[in-house]
């Protein structure tokens, strides 16, 4: 009887271990496309990616620091994109030139003072 209980416990442990294994999907295998923003300005900046007339918020980078953001996959369908840095509590909205990006690209932007 004790041997049967031991076998059942081992079976349950194996079953639980197999059930919690993460299955890889095509989405998991797709390379991340990122942009690293080096903010050399004193002001905090809210960073957007512009796809045509659509503006997608990536996040915020504080003054005199750097931050890396992941570009959403739905933005990658565009031939080119631009980036917008919106200063918090300041004037002006620096916009990058048009940049062609592909999945897996790593882009670096620098915001000057």
Foldseek 3Di string as FASTA:
>chain_A
DVVVVVVVVVVVVVVVVVVPDDDDDPVNVFAWEKEKEQAQAQFKWFKWKAQPNDTHTFGIDHHRGMDMGTDDPVSLVGQWIKMWTHTDPDDDIDIGDTDGDHTNHYHYHYHHD
